[in-house]
Amino acid sequence: MKRVVNIAALILLALLICWAGAFVWIGGPWSLAQANHFRKAKNADQLAIARAAVATIRKHSVKGVTYSEDGLTNLPPAISALKPKSVSVRPDGMRIEFHGGFDHFGFEIREREDVWEMSHYTEQSHHLVLTIRKDEGNGTQAGPANGNQPMRSETSRTGQPAGSHR
């Protein structure tokens, strides 16, 4: 009987070690936070987030500011609804961060020559989500040259969507 209990204990220990090893191998608790973020990011209106970011960047065009904890309520609803850990605004961009420490990830909006780029970043990668022409960044919609032409897309989507994995 004692031998059966010892064998059962060893099997349980081996299963626990395998489970813990697999959990660490896929990224541990940080991967759970990232998975939750990827779900939020995939379902969010990314164009609205980018436009709200551009408006906030323009508002703070002279100096940078960081929002965290209670200050996050001062952000536009499209950004605060994501429940970021912190938001850093500088004259040429914004970083919406969902996790810090050794595992940073979130959105970054950067000013380029004629466009604003919105990227999703992690410690391991940086993926372009969308771009907005600067003349659209203030919320105006680009229209056709005349009423007979179809509307063209407001954004140029390149790279991987924020929620996809390779």
N, C-alpha and C. Protein backbone atom coordinates (compact mmCIF):
# COMPACT_ATOMS: atom_id res chain seq x y z
N MET A 1 0.82 -1.19 0.00
CA MET A 1 0.00 0.00 0.00
C MET A 1 0.87 1.26 0.00
N LYS A 2 1.94 1.23 0.82
CA LYS A 2 2.83 2.39 0.89
C LYS A 2 3.50 2.64 -0.46
N ARG A 3 3.81 1.56 -1.17
CA ARG A 3 4.45 1.70 -2.47
C ARG A 3 3.49 2.37 -3.47
N VAL A 4 2.23 2.04 -3.44
CA VAL A 4 1.23 2.64 -4.33
C VAL A 4 1.11 4.14 -4.05
N VAL A 5 1.09 4.51 -2.77
CA VAL A 5 1.01 5.92 -2.39
C VAL A 5 2.24 6.67 -2.88
N ASN A 6 3.41 6.07 -2.74
CA ASN A 6 4.65 6.71 -3.22
C ASN A 6 4.64 6.90 -4.73
N ILE A 7 4.15 5.90 -5.45
CA ILE A 7 4.08 5.99 -6.91
C ILE A 7 3.08 7.09 -7.31
N ALA A 8 1.94 7.11 -6.65
CA ALA A 8 0.93 8.14 -6.94
C ALA A 8 1.49 9.53 -6.64
N ALA A 9 2.21 9.68 -5.56
CA ALA A 9 2.81 10.97 -5.21
C ALA A 9 3.83 11.39 -6.26
N LEU A 10 4.65 10.45 -6.72
CA LEU A 10 5.63 10.75 -7.76
C LEU A 10 4.95 11.17 -9.07
N ILE A 11 3.86 10.48 -9.42
CA ILE A 11 3.13 10.83 -10.64
C ILE A 11 2.55 12.23 -10.52
N LEU A 12 1.94 12.53 -9.37
CA LEU A 12 1.39 13.88 -9.16
C LEU A 12 2.49 14.94 -9.20
N LEU A 13 3.62 14.66 -8.61
CA LEU A 13 4.74 15.59 -8.63
C LEU A 13 5.23 15.80 -10.06
N ALA A 14 5.34 14.74 -10.82
CA ALA A 14 5.78 14.85 -12.22
C ALA A 14 4.79 15.67 -13.04
N LEU A 15 3.48 15.44 -12.83
CA LEU A 15 2.47 16.22 -13.53
C LEU A 15 2.54 17.69 -13.16
N LEU A 16 2.73 17.97 -11.88
CA LEU A 16 2.85 19.36 -11.42
C LEU A 16 4.07 20.04 -12.03
N ILE A 17 5.19 19.34 -12.08
CA ILE A 17 6.41 19.88 -12.68
C ILE A 17 6.20 20.13 -14.18
N CYS A 18 5.54 19.21 -14.87
CA CYS A 18 5.27 19.39 -16.30
C CYS A 18 4.35 20.58 -16.52
N TRP A 19 3.31 20.71 -15.71
CA TRP A 19 2.38 21.83 -15.85
C TRP A 19 3.10 23.15 -15.59
N ALA A 20 3.90 23.21 -14.51
CA ALA A 20 4.63 24.44 -14.18
C ALA A 20 5.64 24.77 -15.29
N GLY A 21 6.32 23.76 -15.81
CA GLY A 21 7.27 23.98 -16.89
C GLY A 21 6.60 24.51 -18.13
N ALA A 22 5.45 23.95 -18.49
CA ALA A 22 4.71 24.43 -19.66
C ALA A 22 4.23 25.86 -19.45
N PHE A 23 3.77 26.18 -18.24
CA PHE A 23 3.30 27.53 -17.92
C PHE A 23 4.44 28.54 -18.08
N VAL A 24 5.60 28.20 -17.57
CA VAL A 24 6.76 29.10 -17.69
C VAL A 24 7.22 29.17 -19.14
N TRP A 25 7.19 28.05 -19.85
CA TRP A 25 7.62 28.02 -21.24
C TRP A 25 6.78 28.93 -22.11
N ILE A 26 5.45 29.03 -21.86
CA ILE A 26 4.61 29.89 -22.68
C ILE A 26 4.62 31.34 -22.20
N GLY A 27 5.36 31.63 -21.16
CA GLY A 27 5.51 33.02 -20.74
C GLY A 27 5.05 33.32 -19.33
N GLY A 28 4.54 32.34 -18.63
CA GLY A 28 4.14 32.53 -17.24
C GLY A 28 3.01 33.53 -17.09
N PRO A 29 2.94 34.17 -15.93
CA PRO A 29 1.83 35.08 -15.67
C PRO A 29 1.81 36.28 -16.61
N TRP A 30 2.98 36.65 -17.15
CA TRP A 30 3.02 37.78 -18.09
C TRP A 30 2.26 37.46 -19.36
N SER A 31 2.31 36.21 -19.79
CA SER A 31 1.60 35.84 -21.01
C SER A 31 0.09 35.96 -20.82
N LEU A 32 -0.41 35.74 -19.60
CA LEU A 32 -1.83 35.90 -19.34
C LEU A 32 -2.23 37.36 -19.48
N ALA A 33 -1.41 38.25 -18.96
CA ALA A 33 -1.69 39.69 -19.08
C ALA A 33 -1.64 40.12 -20.54
N GLN A 34 -0.67 39.60 -21.29
CA GLN A 34 -0.58 39.94 -22.71
C GLN A 34 -1.77 39.40 -23.49
N ALA A 35 -2.20 38.18 -23.18
CA ALA A 35 -3.35 37.60 -23.88
C ALA A 35 -4.59 38.46 -23.64
N ASN A 36 -4.78 38.93 -22.41
CA ASN A 36 -5.91 39.79 -22.10
C ASN A 36 -5.81 41.10 -22.87
N HIS A 37 -4.62 41.66 -22.92
CA HIS A 37 -4.40 42.90 -23.69
C HIS A 37 -4.67 42.69 -25.17
N PHE A 38 -4.17 41.58 -25.74
CA PHE A 38 -4.38 41.31 -27.16
C PHE A 38 -5.87 41.22 -27.47
N ARG A 39 -6.64 40.61 -26.57
CA ARG A 39 -8.09 40.53 -26.77
C ARG A 39 -8.71 41.92 -26.78
N LYS A 40 -8.33 42.76 -25.82
CA LYS A 40 -8.85 44.13 -25.77
C LYS A 40 -8.45 44.91 -27.02
N ALA A 41 -7.19 44.79 -27.40
CA ALA A 41 -6.67 45.54 -28.54
C ALA A 41 -7.35 45.11 -29.83
N LYS A 42 -7.62 43.82 -29.98
CA LYS A 42 -8.24 43.32 -31.20
C LYS A 42 -9.68 43.83 -31.33
N ASN A 43 -10.38 43.96 -30.22
CA ASN A 43 -11.77 44.38 -30.25
C ASN A 43 -11.95 45.89 -30.19
N ALA A 44 -10.90 46.62 -29.92
CA ALA A 44 -10.99 48.08 -29.78
C ALA A 44 -11.06 48.75 -31.14
N ASP A 45 -11.63 49.95 -31.17
CA ASP A 45 -11.65 50.77 -32.38
C ASP A 45 -10.29 51.46 -32.48
N GLN A 46 -9.37 50.83 -33.18
CA GLN A 46 -8.00 51.31 -33.22
C GLN A 46 -7.88 52.66 -33.91
N LEU A 47 -8.72 52.94 -34.88
CA LEU A 47 -8.69 54.25 -35.53
C LEU A 47 -9.10 55.34 -34.54
N ALA A 48 -10.12 55.06 -33.72
CA ALA A 48 -10.55 56.03 -32.71
C ALA A 48 -9.45 56.25 -31.67
N ILE A 49 -8.75 55.18 -31.30
CA ILE A 49 -7.65 55.30 -30.35
C ILE A 49 -6.54 56.18 -30.94
N ALA A 50 -6.19 55.91 -32.20
CA ALA A 50 -5.13 56.69 -32.85
C ALA A 50 -5.51 58.16 -32.97
N ARG A 51 -6.75 58.44 -33.34
CA ARG A 51 -7.18 59.84 -33.46
C ARG A 51 -7.20 60.53 -32.10
N ALA A 52 -7.66 59.83 -31.06
CA ALA A 52 -7.66 60.41 -29.72
C ALA A 52 -6.23 60.67 -29.26
N ALA A 53 -5.32 59.76 -29.61
CA ALA A 53 -3.91 59.95 -29.26
C ALA A 53 -3.33 61.18 -29.95
N VAL A 54 -3.61 61.33 -31.24
CA VAL A 54 -3.10 62.49 -31.98
C VAL A 54 -3.63 63.78 -31.37
N ALA A 55 -4.91 63.82 -31.01
CA ALA A 55 -5.48 65.02 -30.39
C ALA A 55 -4.80 65.32 -29.06
N THR A 56 -4.52 64.28 -28.28
CA THR A 56 -3.85 64.47 -26.98
C THR A 56 -2.41 64.93 -27.18
N ILE A 57 -1.73 64.37 -28.16
CA ILE A 57 -0.35 64.77 -28.46
C ILE A 57 -0.31 66.24 -28.85
N ARG A 58 -1.23 66.66 -29.69
CA ARG A 58 -1.27 68.07 -30.10
C ARG A 58 -1.56 68.99 -28.92
N LYS A 59 -2.38 68.52 -27.99
CA LYS A 59 -2.71 69.31 -26.79
C LYS A 59 -1.46 69.54 -25.93
N HIS A 60 -0.56 68.56 -25.92
CA HIS A 60 0.67 68.65 -25.12
C HIS A 60 1.88 68.82 -26.02
N SER A 61 1.77 69.66 -27.04
CA SER A 61 2.83 69.76 -28.04
C SER A 61 4.10 70.43 -27.53
N VAL A 62 4.02 71.14 -26.42
CA VAL A 62 5.20 71.86 -25.94
C VAL A 62 6.06 70.99 -25.04
N LYS A 63 5.43 70.26 -24.12
CA LYS A 63 6.21 69.41 -23.21
C LYS A 63 5.50 68.08 -23.04
N GLY A 64 6.23 67.11 -22.56
CA GLY A 64 5.66 65.79 -22.35
C GLY A 64 4.96 65.69 -21.01
N VAL A 65 4.09 64.69 -20.89
CA VAL A 65 3.37 64.44 -19.65
C VAL A 65 3.10 62.94 -19.56
N THR A 66 3.07 62.43 -18.35
CA THR A 66 2.76 61.02 -18.14
C THR A 66 1.52 60.92 -17.27
N TYR A 67 0.57 60.11 -17.72
CA TYR A 67 -0.65 59.84 -16.96
C TYR A 67 -0.53 58.45 -16.35
N SER A 68 -0.88 58.33 -15.09
CA SER A 68 -0.93 57.02 -14.46
C SER A 68 -1.94 57.07 -13.32
N GLU A 69 -2.40 55.91 -12.91
CA GLU A 69 -3.36 55.75 -11.83
C GLU A 69 -4.55 56.69 -11.97
N ASP A 70 -4.76 57.63 -11.03
CA ASP A 70 -5.92 58.51 -11.06
C ASP A 70 -5.92 59.45 -12.26
N GLY A 71 -4.75 59.80 -12.77
CA GLY A 71 -4.66 60.72 -13.91
C GLY A 71 -5.17 60.14 -15.21
N LEU A 72 -5.32 58.81 -15.28
CA LEU A 72 -5.78 58.18 -16.52
C LEU A 72 -7.20 58.61 -16.88
N THR A 73 -7.96 59.08 -15.91
CA THR A 73 -9.33 59.53 -16.20
C THR A 73 -9.33 60.84 -16.98
N ASN A 74 -8.21 61.54 -17.05
CA ASN A 74 -8.10 62.79 -17.81
C ASN A 74 -7.87 62.55 -19.30
N LEU A 75 -7.78 61.30 -19.70
CA LEU A 75 -7.54 60.96 -21.10
C LEU A 75 -8.86 60.80 -21.86
N PRO A 76 -8.83 60.89 -23.19
CA PRO A 76 -10.04 60.66 -23.97
C PRO A 76 -10.59 59.25 -23.69
N PRO A 77 -11.92 59.08 -23.76
CA PRO A 77 -12.54 57.79 -23.46
C PRO A 77 -12.00 56.62 -24.30
N ALA A 78 -11.64 56.87 -25.56
CA ALA A 78 -11.12 55.79 -26.40
C ALA A 78 -9.84 55.20 -25.83
N ILE A 79 -9.05 56.02 -25.13
CA ILE A 79 -7.80 55.55 -24.54
C ILE A 79 -8.03 55.04 -23.12
N SER A 80 -8.76 55.78 -22.30
CA SER A 80 -8.96 55.37 -20.90
C SER A 80 -9.76 54.07 -20.80
N ALA A 81 -10.63 53.79 -21.78
CA ALA A 81 -11.43 52.55 -21.77
C ALA A 81 -10.55 51.31 -21.89
N LEU A 82 -9.35 51.47 -22.43
CA LEU A 82 -8.42 50.33 -22.55
C LEU A 82 -7.81 49.95 -21.21
N LYS A 83 -7.95 50.82 -20.21
CA LYS A 83 -7.39 50.61 -18.87
C LYS A 83 -5.87 50.38 -18.90
N PRO A 84 -5.14 51.34 -19.47
CA PRO A 84 -3.68 51.19 -19.50
C PRO A 84 -3.08 51.39 -18.12
N LYS A 85 -1.87 50.90 -17.95
CA LYS A 85 -1.14 51.11 -16.70
C LYS A 85 -0.62 52.54 -16.65
N SER A 86 -0.13 53.02 -17.79
CA SER A 86 0.34 54.40 -17.89
C SER A 86 0.29 54.85 -19.34
N VAL A 87 0.25 56.18 -19.51
CA VAL A 87 0.26 56.77 -20.85
C VAL A 87 1.28 57.91 -20.83
N SER A 88 2.29 57.83 -21.68
CA SER A 88 3.32 58.87 -21.77
C SER A 88 3.11 59.64 -23.07
N VAL A 89 2.99 60.95 -22.94
CA VAL A 89 2.78 61.81 -24.10
C VAL A 89 4.02 62.69 -24.25
N ARG A 90 4.52 62.76 -25.47
CA ARG A 90 5.63 63.65 -25.78
C ARG A 90 5.25 64.40 -27.07
N PRO A 91 5.95 65.45 -27.42
CA PRO A 91 5.55 66.24 -28.59
C PRO A 91 5.46 65.46 -29.90
N ASP A 92 6.20 64.37 -30.04
CA ASP A 92 6.18 63.62 -31.30
C ASP A 92 5.51 62.25 -31.19
N GLY A 93 4.84 61.97 -30.07
CA GLY A 93 4.19 60.67 -29.97
C GLY A 93 3.59 60.37 -28.61
N MET A 94 3.09 59.15 -28.51
CA MET A 94 2.45 58.69 -27.28
C MET A 94 2.71 57.20 -27.12
N ARG A 95 2.87 56.78 -25.88
CA ARG A 95 3.01 55.36 -25.57
C ARG A 95 1.91 55.00 -24.58
N ILE A 96 1.05 54.06 -24.96
CA ILE A 96 -0.02 53.56 -24.10
C ILE A 96 0.45 52.20 -23.60
N GLU A 97 0.83 52.13 -22.34
CA GLU A 97 1.46 50.92 -21.82
C GLU A 97 0.51 50.15 -20.91
N PHE A 98 0.44 48.84 -21.15
CA PHE A 98 -0.44 47.98 -20.38
C PHE A 98 0.30 47.18 -19.33
N HIS A 99 1.59 47.07 -19.44
CA HIS A 99 2.39 46.34 -18.46
C HIS A 99 3.81 46.85 -18.52
N GLY A 100 4.44 46.94 -17.38
CA GLY A 100 5.81 47.43 -17.33
C GLY A 100 6.74 46.38 -16.77
N GLY A 101 7.75 46.83 -16.07
CA GLY A 101 8.72 45.89 -15.48
C GLY A 101 9.57 45.25 -16.56
N PHE A 102 9.60 43.92 -16.54
CA PHE A 102 10.41 43.18 -17.50
C PHE A 102 9.62 42.76 -18.74
N ASP A 103 8.38 43.18 -18.84
CA ASP A 103 7.53 42.73 -19.93
C ASP A 103 6.64 43.87 -20.43
N HIS A 104 7.24 44.88 -21.04
CA HIS A 104 6.48 46.03 -21.55
C HIS A 104 5.69 45.64 -22.78
N PHE A 105 4.44 46.11 -22.87
CA PHE A 105 3.67 45.96 -24.09
C PHE A 105 2.54 46.97 -24.11
N GLY A 106 2.12 47.34 -25.32
CA GLY A 106 1.06 48.32 -25.48
C GLY A 106 1.02 48.88 -26.89
N PHE A 107 0.52 50.11 -27.01
CA PHE A 107 0.47 50.81 -28.29
C PHE A 107 1.44 51.97 -28.27
N GLU A 108 1.98 52.28 -29.43
CA GLU A 108 2.82 53.47 -29.58
C GLU A 108 2.33 54.22 -30.82
N ILE A 109 2.10 55.50 -30.66
CA ILE A 109 1.69 56.36 -31.77
C ILE A 109 2.83 57.35 -32.01
N ARG A 110 3.37 57.37 -33.23
CA ARG A 110 4.52 58.22 -33.53
C ARG A 110 4.25 59.09 -34.75
N GLU A 111 4.79 60.30 -34.68
CA GLU A 111 4.68 61.22 -35.80
C GLU A 111 5.79 60.92 -36.80
N ARG A 112 5.42 60.81 -38.05
CA ARG A 112 6.38 60.66 -39.15
C ARG A 112 6.23 61.89 -40.04
N GLU A 113 6.92 61.91 -41.15
CA GLU A 113 6.92 63.10 -42.00
C GLU A 113 5.51 63.52 -42.42
N ASP A 114 4.73 62.60 -42.99
CA ASP A 114 3.40 62.97 -43.46
C ASP A 114 2.28 62.09 -42.89
N VAL A 115 2.61 61.21 -41.94
CA VAL A 115 1.62 60.33 -41.33
C VAL A 115 1.86 60.17 -39.83
N TRP A 116 0.84 59.69 -39.15
CA TRP A 116 0.97 59.20 -37.78
C TRP A 116 0.91 57.68 -37.88
N GLU A 117 1.83 57.00 -37.20
CA GLU A 117 1.84 55.54 -37.20
C GLU A 117 1.41 55.04 -35.83
N MET A 118 0.55 54.03 -35.82
CA MET A 118 0.17 53.37 -34.58
C MET A 118 0.70 51.95 -34.65
N SER A 119 1.51 51.59 -33.66
CA SER A 119 2.10 50.26 -33.60
C SER A 119 1.72 49.58 -32.30
N HIS A 120 1.72 48.27 -32.34
CA HIS A 120 1.57 47.47 -31.13
C HIS A 120 2.96 46.93 -30.82
N TYR A 121 3.40 47.09 -29.57
CA TYR A 121 4.75 46.64 -29.25
C TYR A 121 4.74 45.70 -28.06
N THR A 122 5.72 44.82 -28.04
CA THR A 122 6.04 43.98 -26.89
C THR A 122 7.55 44.06 -26.71
N GLU A 123 8.06 43.36 -25.73
CA GLU A 123 9.52 43.32 -25.55
C GLU A 123 10.19 42.68 -26.75
N GLN A 124 9.49 41.74 -27.40
CA GLN A 124 10.10 40.99 -28.49
C GLN A 124 9.84 41.56 -29.88
N SER A 125 8.78 42.36 -30.05
CA SER A 125 8.44 42.78 -31.41
C SER A 125 7.73 44.12 -31.43
N HIS A 126 7.60 44.65 -32.62
CA HIS A 126 6.95 45.94 -32.88
C HIS A 126 6.19 45.77 -34.20
N HIS A 127 4.85 45.84 -34.18
CA HIS A 127 4.05 45.62 -35.39
C HIS A 127 3.23 46.86 -35.71
N LEU A 128 3.35 47.33 -36.93
CA LEU A 128 2.56 48.47 -37.39
C LEU A 128 1.10 48.03 -37.49
N VAL A 129 0.21 48.78 -36.84
CA VAL A 129 -1.21 48.47 -36.85
C VAL A 129 -1.91 49.29 -37.93
N LEU A 130 -1.67 50.62 -37.94
CA LEU A 130 -2.29 51.47 -38.95
C LEU A 130 -1.54 52.78 -39.05
N THR A 131 -1.81 53.48 -40.13
CA THR A 131 -1.27 54.83 -40.31
C THR A 131 -2.43 55.77 -40.61
N ILE A 132 -2.27 57.02 -40.21
CA ILE A 132 -3.26 58.05 -40.51
C ILE A 132 -2.51 59.20 -41.16
N ARG A 133 -3.01 59.63 -42.32
CA ARG A 133 -2.40 60.82 -42.93
C ARG A 133 -2.56 61.98 -41.98
N LYS A 134 -1.60 62.87 -41.92
CA LYS A 134 -1.65 63.99 -40.99
C LYS A 134 -2.88 64.85 -41.19
N ASP A 135 -3.35 64.99 -42.42
CA ASP A 135 -4.54 65.79 -42.63
C ASP A 135 -5.81 65.10 -42.13
N GLU A 136 -5.72 63.81 -41.78
CA GLU A 136 -6.85 63.09 -41.20
C GLU A 136 -6.74 62.99 -39.69
N GLY A 137 -5.56 63.25 -39.14
CA GLY A 137 -5.31 63.05 -37.73
C GLY A 137 -6.18 63.87 -36.81
N ASN A 138 -6.75 64.96 -37.32
CA ASN A 138 -7.60 65.79 -36.47
C ASN A 138 -9.04 65.33 -36.48
N GLY A 139 -9.32 64.22 -37.11
CA GLY A 139 -10.67 63.67 -37.11
C GLY A 139 -11.45 63.95 -38.37
N THR A 140 -10.88 64.71 -39.31
CA THR A 140 -11.59 64.95 -40.57
C THR A 140 -11.41 63.75 -41.47
N GLN A 141 -12.42 63.48 -42.26
CA GLN A 141 -12.40 62.33 -43.13
C GLN A 141 -12.00 62.76 -44.53
N ALA A 142 -11.09 62.00 -45.14
CA ALA A 142 -10.70 62.31 -46.51
C ALA A 142 -11.84 61.92 -47.45
N GLY A 143 -12.24 62.82 -48.29
CA GLY A 143 -13.37 62.54 -49.19
C GLY A 143 -12.91 62.38 -50.62
N PRO A 144 -13.82 62.00 -51.48
CA PRO A 144 -13.48 61.83 -52.89
C PRO A 144 -13.28 63.18 -53.58
N ALA A 145 -12.61 63.16 -54.72
CA ALA A 145 -12.39 64.39 -55.49
C ALA A 145 -13.71 64.93 -56.02
N ASN A 146 -14.63 64.04 -56.42
CA ASN A 146 -15.98 64.48 -56.77
C ASN A 146 -16.97 63.44 -56.26
N GLY A 147 -18.23 63.73 -56.26
CA GLY A 147 -19.23 62.86 -55.67
C GLY A 147 -19.39 61.52 -56.36
N ASN A 148 -18.87 61.34 -57.59
CA ASN A 148 -19.04 60.10 -58.32
C ASN A 148 -17.99 59.05 -58.00
N GLN A 149 -16.90 59.47 -57.37
CA GLN A 149 -15.84 58.52 -57.07
C GLN A 149 -16.11 57.86 -55.73
N PRO A 150 -15.76 56.57 -55.61
CA PRO A 150 -15.96 55.90 -54.33
C PRO A 150 -15.00 56.45 -53.27
N MET A 151 -15.42 56.37 -52.02
CA MET A 151 -14.55 56.77 -50.90
C MET A 151 -13.40 55.78 -50.83
N ARG A 152 -12.23 56.26 -50.56
CA ARG A 152 -11.12 55.35 -50.34
C ARG A 152 -10.92 55.21 -48.84
N SER A 153 -10.26 54.16 -48.45
CA SER A 153 -10.06 53.88 -47.04
C SER A 153 -9.31 55.02 -46.35
N GLU A 154 -9.70 55.33 -45.10
CA GLU A 154 -9.03 56.39 -44.36
C GLU A 154 -7.68 55.97 -43.84
N THR A 155 -7.50 54.68 -43.69
CA THR A 155 -6.25 54.20 -43.09
C THR A 155 -5.56 53.27 -44.05
N SER A 156 -4.29 53.17 -43.87
CA SER A 156 -3.49 52.23 -44.64
C SER A 156 -3.04 51.17 -43.65
N ARG A 157 -3.64 49.99 -43.69
CA ARG A 157 -3.29 48.94 -42.74
C ARG A 157 -2.17 48.10 -43.33
N THR A 158 -1.09 48.02 -42.57
CA THR A 158 0.04 47.20 -42.99
C THR A 158 0.48 46.41 -41.79
N GLY A 159 1.28 45.42 -42.03
CA GLY A 159 1.79 44.62 -40.92
C GLY A 159 0.70 43.74 -40.34
N GLN A 160 0.96 43.19 -39.18
CA GLN A 160 0.03 42.31 -38.52
C GLN A 160 -0.94 43.09 -37.66
N PRO A 161 -2.19 42.65 -37.55
CA PRO A 161 -3.09 43.26 -36.60
C PRO A 161 -2.57 43.07 -35.18
N ALA A 162 -2.99 43.93 -34.27
CA ALA A 162 -2.46 43.90 -32.91
C ALA A 162 -2.69 42.59 -32.21
N GLY A 163 -3.77 41.89 -32.50
CA GLY A 163 -4.07 40.69 -31.75
C GLY A 163 -3.57 39.40 -32.35
N SER A 164 -2.83 39.45 -33.45
CA SER A 164 -2.42 38.21 -34.08
C SER A 164 -1.08 37.73 -33.55
N HIS A 165 -0.88 36.44 -33.64
CA HIS A 165 0.37 35.83 -33.20
C HIS A 165 0.97 35.07 -34.36
N ARG A 166 2.27 34.92 -34.35
CA ARG A 166 2.92 34.11 -35.37
C ARG A 166 3.36 32.81 -34.79
